[in-house]
C-alpha atoms as a PDB file:
ATOM      1  CA  MET A   1      85.469 131.302  20.435  1.00  0.00           C
ATOM      2  CA  GLN A   2      89.310 132.669  19.288  1.00  0.00           C
ATOM      3  CA  ALA A   3      90.260 136.392  19.728  1.00  0.00           C
ATOM      4  CA  ARG A   4      90.626 137.992  15.461  1.00  0.00           C
ATOM      5  CA  ARG A   5      94.308 137.316  14.547  1.00  0.00           C
ATOM      6  CA  PRO A   6      95.972 141.167  14.696  1.00  0.00           C
ATOM      7  CA  ALA A   7      96.365 142.564  10.663  1.00  0.00           C
ATOM      8  CA  PRO A   8      99.901 142.458  11.048  1.00  0.00           C
ATOM      9  CA  VAL A   9      99.737 139.545  12.332  1.00  0.00           C
ATOM     10  CA  ALA A  10      97.677 138.033   9.234  1.00  0.00           C
ATOM     11  CA  LEU A  11      99.551 139.335   6.670  1.00  0.00           C
ATOM     12  CA  LEU A  12     102.921 138.473   7.898  1.00  0.00           C
ATOM     13  CA  SER A  13     101.746 135.034   8.182  1.00  0.00           C
ATOM     14  CA  ALA A  14     100.239 135.235   4.594  1.00  0.00           C
ATOM     15  CA  LEU A  15     104.017 136.774   3.520  1.00  0.00           C
ATOM     16  CA  TYR A  16     105.531 133.870   5.006  1.00  0.00           C
ATOM     17  CA  VAL A  17     103.158 131.265   3.288  1.00  0.00           C
ATOM     18  CA  ILE A  18     102.923 133.149  -0.258  1.00  0.00           C
ATOM     19  CA  SER A  19     106.774 133.131  -0.258  1.00  0.00           C
ATOM     20  CA  GLY A  20     106.983 129.194   0.466  1.00  0.00           C
ATOM     21  CA  ALA A  21     104.538 128.463  -1.843  1.00  0.00           C
ATOM     22  CA  LEU A  22     106.387 130.173  -5.075  1.00  0.00           C
ATOM     23  CA  CYS A  23     109.700 128.910  -3.489  1.00  0.00           C
ATOM     24  CA  LEU A  24     107.466 125.420  -3.519  1.00  0.00           C
ATOM     25  CA  PHE A  25     106.566 125.705  -7.424  1.00  0.00           C
ATOM     26  CA  ALA A  26     110.113 126.451  -8.390  1.00  0.00           C
ATOM     27  CA  ALA A  27     111.364 123.272  -6.645  1.00  0.00           C
ATOM     28  CA  VAL A  28     108.794 121.425  -8.648  1.00  0.00           C
ATOM     29  CA  ARG A  29     109.453 122.862 -11.881  1.00  0.00           C
ATOM     30  CA  PRO A  30     112.399 124.747 -12.038  1.00  0.00           C
ATOM     31  CA  THR A  31     114.059 126.818 -14.592  1.00  0.00           C
ATOM     32  CA  ALA A  32     117.568 126.046 -14.928  1.00  0.00           C
ATOM     33  CA  VAL A  33     120.105 123.376 -14.562  1.00  0.00           C
ATOM     34  CA  ARG A  34     121.707 125.300 -11.948  1.00  0.00           C
ATOM     35  CA  THR A  35     118.098 126.276 -10.112  1.00  0.00           C
ATOM     36  CA  PRO A  36     119.220 125.357  -6.126  1.00  0.00           C
ATOM     37  CA  VAL A  37     116.303 123.040  -6.141  1.00  0.00           C
ATOM     38  CA  THR A  38     117.511 121.375  -2.481  1.00  0.00           C
ATOM     39  CA  LEU A  39     117.181 125.127  -1.114  1.00  0.00           C
ATOM     40  CA  LEU A  40     114.332 125.864  -2.786  1.00  0.00           C
ATOM     41  CA  TRP A  41     112.891 123.055  -0.541  1.00  0.00           C
ATOM     42  CA  VAL A  42     114.292 124.255   2.399  1.00  0.00           C
ATOM     43  CA  LEU A  43     113.189 128.010   1.672  1.00  0.00           C
ATOM     44  CA  ALA A  44     109.478 126.511   1.043  1.00  0.00           C
ATOM     45  CA  ALA A  45     109.869 124.462   4.495  1.00  0.00           C
ATOM     46  CA  ILE A  46     110.555 127.524   6.382  1.00  0.00           C
ATOM     47  CA  GLY A  47     108.362 129.898   4.315  1.00  0.00           C
ATOM     48  CA  LEU A  48     105.683 127.805   4.799  1.00  0.00           C
ATOM     49  CA  LEU A  49     105.918 126.226   8.215  1.00  0.00           C
ATOM     50  CA  GLY A  50     106.767 129.715   9.144  1.00  0.00           C
ATOM     51  CA  GLY A  51     104.059 130.952   8.408  1.00  0.00           C
ATOM     52  CA  ALA A  52     101.575 128.309  10.121  1.00  0.00           C
ATOM     53  CA  GLY A  53     103.391 128.921  13.300  1.00  0.00           C
ATOM     54  CA  ILE A  54     102.855 132.837  13.006  1.00  0.00           C
ATOM     55  CA  TRP A  55      99.060 132.103  12.228  1.00  0.00           C
ATOM     56  CA  VAL A  56      98.770 129.883  15.128  1.00  0.00           C
ATOM     57  CA  LEU A  57     100.007 132.022  18.082  1.00  0.00           C
ATOM     58  CA  GLY A  58      98.344 134.817  16.026  1.00  0.00           C
ATOM     59  CA  ALA A  59      98.304 138.002  19.162  1.00  0.00           C
ATOM     60  CA  ARG A  60     100.412 136.166  21.382  1.00  0.00           C
ATOM     61  CA  LEU A  61     103.760 136.986  19.091  1.00  0.00           C
ATOM     62  CA  ARG A  62     105.244 139.896  20.936  1.00  0.00           C
ATOM     63  CA  ALA A  63     106.668 142.995  18.605  1.00  0.00           C
ATOM     64  CA  GLU A  64     109.892 141.728  18.970  1.00  0.00           C
ATOM     65  CA  VAL A  65     109.201 138.599  17.396  1.00  0.00           C
ATOM     66  CA  LEU A  66     107.394 140.274  14.149  1.00  0.00           C
ATOM     67  CA  HIS A  67     110.779 142.434  13.738  1.00  0.00           C
ATOM     68  CA  ALA A  68     112.941 139.023  13.711  1.00  0.00           C
ATOM     69  CA  ALA A  69     110.471 137.564  11.608  1.00  0.00           C
ATOM     70  CA  VAL A  70     110.550 140.270   8.637  1.00  0.00           C
ATOM     71  CA  ALA A  71     114.505 140.686   9.417  1.00  0.00           C
ATOM     72  CA  GLY A  72     114.659 137.108   9.008  1.00  0.00           C
ATOM     73  CA  ILE A  73     112.669 137.277   5.689  1.00  0.00           C
ATOM     74  CA  SER A  74     115.329 139.481   4.290  1.00  0.00           C
ATOM     75  CA  LEU A  75     118.062 137.507   4.822  1.00  0.00           C
ATOM     76  CA  LEU A  76     116.427 134.513   3.114  1.00  0.00           C
ATOM     77  CA  ILE A  77     115.721 136.678   0.246  1.00  0.00           C
ATOM     78  CA  GLY A  78     119.869 137.625   0.252  1.00  0.00           C
ATOM     79  CA  VAL A  79     120.837 133.924   0.288  1.00  0.00           C
ATOM     80  CA  LEU A  80     117.786 133.127  -2.483  1.00  0.00           C
ATOM     81  CA  ALA A  81     119.688 136.020  -4.440  1.00  0.00           C
ATOM     82  CA  TRP A  82     122.993 134.150  -3.832  1.00  0.00           C
ATOM     83  CA  ARG A  83     122.039 130.783  -5.190  1.00  0.00           C
ATOM     84  CA  SER A  84     120.139 132.255  -7.896  1.00  0.00           C
ATOM     85  CA  ALA A  85     121.021 129.907 -11.373  1.00  0.00           C
ATOM     86  CA  THR A  86     120.144 132.843 -13.514  1.00  0.00           C
ATOM     87  CA  PRO A  87     119.539 137.258 -13.847  1.00  0.00           C
ATOM     88  CA  VAL A  88     115.591 136.366 -13.797  1.00  0.00           C
ATOM     89  CA  GLY A  89     115.609 134.214 -11.081  1.00  0.00           C
ATOM     90  CA  ILE A  90     117.495 137.624  -8.971  1.00  0.00           C
ATOM     91  CA  VAL A  91     115.503 139.970 -10.544  1.00  0.00           C
ATOM     92  CA  GLY A  92     112.278 138.357  -9.829  1.00  0.00           C
ATOM     93  CA  LEU A  93     112.237 138.808  -6.441  1.00  0.00           C
ATOM     94  CA  GLY A  94     111.659 142.231  -7.048  1.00  0.00           C
ATOM     95  CA  PRO A  95     107.904 141.938  -5.704  1.00  0.00           C
ATOM     96  CA  VAL A  96     109.147 140.201  -3.034  1.00  0.00           C
ATOM     97  CA  LEU A  97     111.551 143.201  -2.066  1.00  0.00           C
ATOM     98  CA  ILE A  98     108.616 145.951  -2.539  1.00  0.00           C
ATOM     99  CA  ALA A  99     106.088 143.516  -0.049  1.00  0.00           C
ATOM    100  CA  VAL A 100     108.731 143.636   2.465  1.00  0.00           C
ATOM    101  CA  GLY A 101     109.648 146.825   2.057  1.00  0.00           C
ATOM    102  CA  LEU A 102     105.547 147.904   2.374  1.00  0.00           C
ATOM    103  CA  TYR A 103     105.157 145.872   5.289  1.00  0.00           C
ATOM    104  CA  ALA A 104     107.526 147.395   7.184  1.00  0.00           C
ATOM    105  CA  ALA A 105     106.402 150.368   6.487  1.00  0.00           C
ATOM    106  CA  HIS A 106     102.713 149.755   7.270  1.00  0.00           C
ATOM    107  CA  PHE A 107     102.915 148.127  10.435  1.00  0.00           C
ATOM    108  CA  PHE A 108     105.958 149.862  12.189  1.00  0.00           C
ATOM    109  CA  SER A 109     107.352 152.903  12.727  1.00  0.00           C
ATOM    110  CA  VAL A 110     109.161 155.156   9.921  1.00  0.00           C
ATOM    111  CA  ARG A 111     112.517 154.920  11.821  1.00  0.00           C
ATOM    112  CA  ALA A 112     112.056 150.643  12.422  1.00  0.00           C
ATOM    113  CA  ALA A 113     110.783 150.715   8.908  1.00  0.00           C
ATOM    114  CA  ARG A 114     113.974 152.118   7.067  1.00  0.00           C
ATOM    115  CA  ALA A 115     116.084 149.993   9.181  1.00  0.00           C
ATOM    116  CA  HIS A 116     114.414 147.014   7.640  1.00  0.00           C
ATOM    117  CA  VAL A 117     114.427 148.291   3.949  1.00  0.00           C
ATOM    118  CA  LEU A 118     118.006 149.054   4.767  1.00  0.00           C
ATOM    119  CA  LEU A 119     118.835 145.631   6.258  1.00  0.00           C
ATOM    120  CA  LEU A 120     116.852 144.288   2.971  1.00  0.00           C
ATOM    121  CA  VAL A 121     118.600 145.927   0.316  1.00  0.00           C
ATOM    122  CA  VAL A 122     122.070 145.296   1.653  1.00  0.00           C
ATOM    123  CA  VAL A 123     121.301 141.673   2.448  1.00  0.00           C
ATOM    124  CA  ALA A 124     119.307 141.183  -1.312  1.00  0.00           C
ATOM    125  CA  SER A 125     122.202 143.450  -3.075  1.00  0.00           C
ATOM    126  CA  ALA A 126     125.317 141.764  -1.359  1.00  0.00           C
ATOM    127  CA  GLY A 127     123.300 138.144  -2.165  1.00  0.00           C
ATOM    128  CA  ALA A 128     122.885 139.653  -5.925  1.00  0.00           C
ATOM    129  CA  TRP A 129     126.712 140.634  -6.289  1.00  0.00           C
ATOM    130  CA  ALA A 130     127.779 137.349  -5.265  1.00  0.00           C
ATOM    131  CA  ALA A 131     125.774 134.866  -7.388  1.00  0.00           C
ATOM    132  CA  ARG A 132     126.839 133.673 -10.646  1.00  0.00           C
ATOM    133  CA  PRO A 133     125.075 135.162 -13.297  1.00  0.00           C
ATOM    134  CA  SER A 134     125.605 138.928 -14.612  1.00  0.00           C
ATOM    135  CA  GLY A 135     123.769 141.414 -16.758  1.00  0.00           C
ATOM    136  CA  PHE A 136     121.021 142.316 -14.220  1.00  0.00           C
ATOM    137  CA  VAL A 137     122.632 145.515 -12.868  1.00  0.00           C
ATOM    138  CA  VAL A 138     120.092 148.169 -14.515  1.00  0.00           C
ATOM    139  CA  GLN A 139     117.074 146.199 -13.238  1.00  0.00           C
ATOM    140  CA  TRP A 140     118.126 145.659  -9.718  1.00  0.00           C
ATOM    141  CA  VAL A 141     119.040 149.317  -9.604  1.00  0.00           C
ATOM    142  CA  VAL A 142     115.566 150.056 -10.202  1.00  0.00           C
ATOM    143  CA  LEU A 143     114.000 147.807  -7.928  1.00  0.00           C
ATOM    144  CA  VAL A 144     116.363 148.715  -5.107  1.00  0.00           C
ATOM    145  CA  VAL A 145     115.404 152.653  -5.980  1.00  0.00           C
ATOM    146  CA  ALA A 146     111.544 151.467  -6.073  1.00  0.00           C
ATOM    147  CA  THR A 147     112.279 149.446  -2.993  1.00  0.00           C
ATOM    148  CA  LEU A 148     112.995 152.546  -1.001  1.00  0.00           C
ATOM    149  CA  ALA A 149     110.866 154.871  -2.807  1.00  0.00           C
ATOM    150  CA  LEU A 150     108.083 153.079  -1.934  1.00  0.00           C
ATOM    151  CA  THR A 151     108.456 152.129   1.649  1.00  0.00           C
ATOM    152  CA  GLU A 152     109.669 155.786   2.564  1.00  0.00           C
ATOM    153  CA  VAL A 153     105.912 157.075   0.819  1.00  0.00           C
ATOM    154  CA  GLN A 154     104.306 154.145   2.387  1.00  0.00           C
ATOM    155  CA  ALA A 155     105.960 154.813   6.187  1.00  0.00           C
ATOM    156  CA  ARG A 156     105.410 158.506   5.858  1.00  0.00           C
ATOM    157  CA  LEU A 157     101.593 157.852   4.775  1.00  0.00           C
ATOM    158  CA  ALA A 158     100.350 154.896   7.641  1.00  0.00           C
ATOM    159  CA  LEU A 159     102.364 157.317  10.357  1.00  0.00           C
ATOM    160  CA  GLN A 160     100.026 160.144   8.721  1.00  0.00           C
ATOM    161  CA  LEU A 161      97.002 158.061   9.202  1.00  0.00           C
ATOM    162  CA  ARG A 162      98.164 156.412  12.540  1.00  0.00           C
ATOM    163  CA  THR A 163      98.492 160.396  14.055  1.00  0.00           C
ATOM    164  CA  ALA A 164      95.029 161.317  12.590  1.00  0.00           C
ATOM    165  CA  ALA A 165      93.143 158.272  13.966  1.00  0.00           C
ATOM    166  CA  ALA A 166      94.648 158.837  17.509  1.00  0.00           C
ATOM    167  CA  THR A 167      94.820 162.271  17.774  1.00  0.00           C
ATOM    168  CA  ASP A 168      91.505 164.518  18.781  1.00  0.00           C
ATOM    169  CA  PRO A 169      91.629 167.064  16.079  1.00  0.00           C
ATOM    170  CA  LEU A 170      90.677 170.408  17.784  1.00  0.00           C
ATOM    171  CA  THR A 171      92.806 169.960  21.010  1.00  0.00           C
ATOM    172  CA  GLY A 172      96.037 167.280  19.148  1.00  0.00           C
ATOM    173  CA  VAL A 173      95.715 165.527  23.033  1.00  0.00           C
ATOM    174  CA  ALA A 174      94.954 161.497  22.542  1.00  0.00           C
ATOM    175  CA  ASN A 175      91.072 161.057  21.019  1.00  0.00           C
ATOM    176  CA  ARG A 176      88.975 158.051  23.182  1.00  0.00           C
ATOM    177  CA  ARG A 177      89.747 155.086  21.447  1.00  0.00           C
ATOM    178  CA  ALA A 178      93.542 155.843  21.527  1.00  0.00           C
ATOM    179  CA  TRP A 179      93.490 156.877  25.201  1.00  0.00           C
ATOM    180  CA  GLU A 180      91.891 153.718  25.857  1.00  0.00           C
ATOM    181  CA  ALA A 181      93.991 151.371  24.111  1.00  0.00           C
ATOM    182  CA  GLU A 182      97.098 152.856  25.588  1.00  0.00           C
ATOM    183  CA  ALA A 183      95.691 153.130  29.275  1.00  0.00           C
ATOM    184  CA  THR A 184      94.859 149.547  28.730  1.00  0.00           C
ATOM    185  CA  ARG A 185      98.409 148.899  28.036  1.00  0.00           C
ATOM    186  CA  SER A 186     100.270 150.873  30.958  1.00  0.00           C
ATOM    187  CA  LEU A 187      97.650 149.251  33.319  1.00  0.00           C
ATOM    188  CA  ALA A 188      98.462 145.726  32.407  1.00  0.00           C
ATOM    189  CA  HIS A 189     102.420 146.829  32.677  1.00  0.00           C
ATOM    190  CA  ALA A 190     101.021 148.189  35.781  1.00  0.00           C
ATOM    191  CA  VAL A 191     100.012 144.718  36.992  1.00  0.00           C
ATOM    192  CA  ARG A 192     102.903 142.775  35.991  1.00  0.00           C
ATOM    193  CA  THR A 193     105.547 144.947  37.975  1.00  0.00           C
ATOM    194  CA  GLY A 194     103.294 145.689  40.594  1.00  0.00           C
ATOM    195  CA  GLU A 195     103.949 149.753  40.252  1.00  0.00           C
ATOM    196  CA  PRO A 196     101.211 152.058  40.979  1.00  0.00           C
ATOM    197  CA  LEU A 197      99.326 153.581  38.463  1.00  0.00           C
ATOM    198  CA  SER A 198      96.326 156.245  38.758  1.00  0.00           C
ATOM    199  CA  VAL A 199      93.607 157.836  36.464  1.00  0.00           C
ATOM    200  CA  ALA A 200      92.156 161.138  36.703  1.00  0.00           C
ATOM    201  CA  ILE A 201      88.611 162.189  35.092  1.00  0.00           C
ATOM    202  CA  LEU A 202      89.049 165.989  34.456  1.00  0.00           C
ATOM    203  CA  ASP A 203      85.346 167.809  34.021  1.00  0.00           C
ATOM    204  CA  LEU A 204      85.331 171.760  32.742  1.00  0.00           C
ATOM    205  CA  ASP A 205      83.111 173.757  35.476  1.00  0.00           C
ATOM    206  CA  HIS A 206      80.683 175.848  33.505  1.00  0.00           C
ATOM    207  CA  PHE A 207      82.190 175.266  30.072  1.00  0.00           C
ATOM    208  CA  LYS A 208      78.461 175.599  28.501  1.00  0.00           C
ATOM    209  CA  GLU A 209      78.119 179.095  29.708  1.00  0.00           C
ATOM    210  CA  VAL A 210      81.460 179.870  27.565  1.00  0.00           C
ATOM    211  CA  ASN A 211      79.829 178.764  24.361  1.00  0.00           C
ATOM    212  CA  ASP A 212      76.523 179.899  24.889  1.00  0.00           C
ATOM    213  CA  ARG A 213      77.604 183.771  25.933  1.00  0.00           C
ATOM    214  CA  HIS A 214      80.617 183.955  23.608  1.00  0.00           C
ATOM    215  CA  GLY A 215      80.245 181.220  20.892  1.00  0.00           C
ATOM    216  CA  HIS A 216      81.396 177.937  20.057  1.00  0.00           C
ATOM    217  CA  GLY A 217      85.014 179.531  18.592  1.00  0.00           C
ATOM    218  CA  ALA A 218      85.484 180.911  22.085  1.00  0.00           C
ATOM    219  CA  GLY A 219      84.919 177.274  23.657  1.00  0.00           C
ATOM    220  CA  ASP A 220      87.428 175.940  21.220  1.00  0.00           C
ATOM    221  CA  ASP A 221      89.929 178.440  22.061  1.00  0.00           C
ATOM    222  CA  LEU A 222      89.588 177.578  25.573  1.00  0.00           C
ATOM    223  CA  LEU A 223      90.013 174.027  25.400  1.00  0.00           C
ATOM    224  CA  ARG A 224      93.034 174.283  23.061  1.00  0.00           C
ATOM    225  CA  ASP A 225      94.876 176.713  25.646  1.00  0.00           C
ATOM    226  CA  LEU A 226      93.570 174.287  28.548  1.00  0.00           C
ATOM    227  CA  THR A 227      94.806 170.992  27.199  1.00  0.00           C
ATOM    228  CA  SER A 228      98.098 173.357  25.502  1.00  0.00           C
ATOM    229  CA  GLY A 229      99.098 174.483  29.372  1.00  0.00           C
ATOM    230  CA  TRP A 230      98.289 170.703  30.451  1.00  0.00           C
ATOM    231  CA  THR A 231     100.437 168.975  28.431  1.00  0.00           C
ATOM    232  CA  LEU A 232     103.620 171.123  29.036  1.00  0.00           C
ATOM    233  CA  ARG A 233     103.143 170.558  33.010  1.00  0.00           C
ATOM    234  CA  LEU A 234     103.052 166.570  32.300  1.00  0.00           C
ATOM    235  CA  ARG A 235     105.623 164.563  32.434  1.00  0.00           C
ATOM    236  CA  GLN A 236     106.391 162.324  29.175  1.00  0.00           C
ATOM    237  CA  ALA A 237     105.057 159.416  30.544  1.00  0.00           C
ATOM    238  CA  ASP A 238     101.480 160.986  31.292  1.00  0.00           C
ATOM    239  CA  LEU A 239      98.705 160.273  28.947  1.00  0.00           C
ATOM    240  CA  LEU A 240      96.031 163.121  28.487  1.00  0.00           C
ATOM    241  CA  GLY A 241      93.173 162.465  26.138  1.00  0.00           C
ATOM    242  CA  ARG A 242      89.812 163.936  25.226  1.00  0.00           C
ATOM    243  CA  TYR A 243      86.827 161.615  26.501  1.00  0.00           C
ATOM    244  CA  GLY A 244      84.231 163.726  24.766  1.00  0.00           C
ATOM    245  CA  GLY A 245      82.464 167.527  24.635  1.00  0.00           C
ATOM    246  CA  ASP A 246      84.304 168.947  27.922  1.00  0.00           C
ATOM    247  CA  GLU A 247      85.524 165.872  29.513  1.00  0.00           C
ATOM    248  CA  PHE A 248      89.470 164.993  29.571  1.00  0.00           C
ATOM    249  CA  VAL A 249      91.079 161.615  30.947  1.00  0.00           C
ATOM    250  CA  LEU A 250      94.455 161.449  32.112  1.00  0.00           C
ATOM    251  CA  CYS A 251      96.861 157.955  32.601  1.00  0.00           C
ATOM    252  CA  LEU A 252      99.569 158.568  35.347  1.00  0.00           C
ATOM    253  CA  PRO A 253     101.877 155.418  35.075  1.00  0.00           C
ATOM    254  CA  ALA A 254     104.288 155.201  38.099  1.00  0.00           C
ATOM    255  CA  THR A 255     102.024 157.425  40.205  1.00  0.00           C
ATOM    256  CA  ASP A 256      99.825 157.030  43.665  1.00  0.00           C
ATOM    257  CA  ARG A 257      96.806 159.030  44.903  1.00  0.00           C
ATOM    258  CA  SER A 258      98.938 161.607  46.263  1.00  0.00           C
ATOM    259  CA  GLY A 259     101.588 162.285  43.384  1.00  0.00           C
ATOM    260  CA  ALA A 260      97.976 162.002  40.886  1.00  0.00           C
ATOM    261  CA  GLU A 261      96.737 164.824  43.098  1.00  0.00           C
ATOM    262  CA  GLU A 262     100.218 167.256  43.273  1.00  0.00           C
ATOM    263  CA  ILE A 263      99.763 166.778  39.266  1.00  0.00           C
ATOM    264  CA  LEU A 264      96.422 168.130  39.338  1.00  0.00           C
ATOM    265  CA  GLN A 265      97.427 170.643  41.279  1.00  0.00           C
ATOM    266  CA  GLN A 266      99.751 171.957  38.875  1.00  0.00           C
ATOM    267  CA  LEU A 267      97.422 171.608  35.953  1.00  0.00           C
ATOM    268  CA  ALA A 268      94.769 173.858  37.994  1.00  0.00           C
ATOM    269  CA  ALA A 269      97.566 176.549  38.526  1.00  0.00           C
ATOM    270  CA  SER A 270      98.185 176.530  34.445  1.00  0.00           C
ATOM    271  CA  HIS A 271      94.205 178.448  33.524  1.00  0.00           C
ATOM    272  CA  GLU A 272      92.534 180.565  35.798  1.00  0.00           C
ATOM    273  CA  PHE A 273      89.145 178.555  34.246  1.00  0.00           C
ATOM    274  CA  ALA A 274      87.517 176.401  36.586  1.00  0.00           C
ATOM    275  CA  TRP A 275      88.042 172.328  36.369  1.00  0.00           C
ATOM    276  CA  SER A 276      86.960 169.389  38.584  1.00  0.00           C
ATOM    277  CA  GLY A 277      89.015 166.385  38.523  1.00  0.00           C
ATOM    278  CA  GLY A 278      88.341 162.700  39.872  1.00  0.00           C
ATOM    279  CA  VAL A 279      91.211 160.481  40.711  1.00  0.00           C
ATOM    280  CA  ALA A 280      91.424 156.623  41.066  1.00  0.00           C
ATOM    281  CA  THR A 281      94.916 154.462  41.551  1.00  0.00           C
ATOM    282  CA  ALA A 282      94.289 151.020  40.341  1.00  0.00           C
ATOM    283  CA  GLU A 283      94.037 148.181  42.771  1.00  0.00           C
ATOM    284  CA  ASP A 284      94.066 144.256  42.422  1.00  0.00           C
ATOM    285  CA  GLY A 285      91.894 142.911  39.794  1.00  0.00           C
ATOM    286  CA  ASP A 286      91.097 146.318  38.555  1.00  0.00           C
ATOM    287  CA  THR A 287      90.443 146.864  34.356  1.00  0.00           C
ATOM    288  CA  LEU A 288      90.438 150.184  33.280  1.00  0.00           C
ATOM    289  CA  SER A 289      86.491 150.349  33.319  1.00  0.00           C
ATOM    290  CA  SER A 290      86.432 149.885  37.012  1.00  0.00           C
ATOM    291  CA  VAL A 291      89.625 152.554  37.490  1.00  0.00           C
ATOM    292  CA  LEU A 292      87.657 155.422  35.454  1.00  0.00           C
ATOM    293  CA  ALA A 293      83.785 154.449  37.326  1.00  0.00           C
ATOM    294  CA  ARG A 294      85.899 154.944  40.847  1.00  0.00           C
ATOM    295  CA  ALA A 295      87.694 158.175  39.254  1.00  0.00           C
ATOM    296  CA  ASP A 296      84.417 159.496  37.917  1.00  0.00           C
ATOM    297  CA  ALA A 297      82.516 158.416  40.926  1.00  0.00           C
ATOM    298  CA  ASP A 298      84.958 160.704  43.146  1.00  0.00           C
ATOM    299  CA  LEU A 299      84.893 163.755  40.405  1.00  0.00           C
ATOM    300  CA  TYR A 300      81.542 164.083  41.043  1.00  0.00           C
ATOM    301  CA  ARG A 301      81.687 163.595  45.014  1.00  0.00           C
ATOM    302  CA  GLN A 302      84.681 166.469  44.184  1.00  0.00           C
ATOM    303  CA  LYS A 303      81.740 168.911  42.438  1.00  0.00           C
ATOM    304  CA  ARG A 304      79.482 168.095  45.089  1.00  0.00           C
ATOM    305  CA  THR A 305      81.830 169.544  48.094  1.00  0.00           C
ATOM    306  CA  GLY A 306      82.906 172.359  45.580  1.00  0.00           C
ATOM    307  CA  ARG A 307      86.403 171.580  44.914  1.00  0.00           C
ATOM    308  CA  ALA A 308      88.385 171.111  42.000  1.00  0.00           C
END
C-alpha cells in the first residue's frame, strides 16, 4: 500500500492543479481580444503536469524541491500579470498571491516564508507594472498589503503551533514525538555519512520520593532545574527530549560511546540530584527502536551495579 503523502506535497500539488485548471478555463473562454491565450495554454500545461508530477513523487520530494516549486509559481504569476489584457485580469491574481503566501507561511519557517512572499510580491508587482492595462493601482496595493499581512500572521501562528506540538510544556525540551522524529532523521544522516551516533536514556533515581515527601510542585521544579542545567552543557546539535515521567533521552550526533559517556559525566556535574544513564551507539542495520532498546538495557545494567 502506498504511503500517505505529506500535507505539504499534497497541498502544493493541489495548488498547481487548481492554478492550471483556472488557466485552462481562461484559455478556453477568453474574456478579451488581447487575452494571452497561448500563454494560458502553456501555464495550464505547466500547472496540471507539475501538479501531477508533485503528486506522483510524493514523499520523495526533498525540501529544496518544494521551495523551488513555490518560487516557480511566483515567477509564473509575474509572467501572467505582465501579459494580462485587462485590469480585472491583474487584480484577479490576488487570491493566488494570498494562497501562495499562506502555503509558504504554514509549511516553511518564518524566515523562508518571508523570503517567498517578498519574491512573490516583487515579481508579481513588476509584472503588473509592466502590463498594458492601468487603473488598478489602489486595488493592487490592497492585495499586496493583504498578502504580506496574512502571510506574517499565519507564519507566526504556525510557528507557535509547531513549537507547542514539539515541546514538553513543563521542561521546555522536545517531547517524545518530536524527539523521535528528529532522532530518526539524525540516524538516517549517520547511516548515509558513516558518522557515529549515540543515544542515551537518563532515568532519575528515587524521583518518586521527591513527589511523596515534598509534593508534585517540588518534583516539577526539580525536572525544570535538571533540564535547564543539562541544556546549558549540551552542544547545539545534541537533542534532549522528555520520554515520559522522570525519563529523558538524548540524541548525540557525531558521537561515539566514549564521547557520549563524557557528555553524561558533564551533565551529572550540573546538579546534585542523582540519575542513571544508559548509552548505545548506532550500528549497521539499526533502527531508532533497536538503538533505544540497547540504551535501555545498558541503563538497567548501570542501575544494578549502582553506577550513574
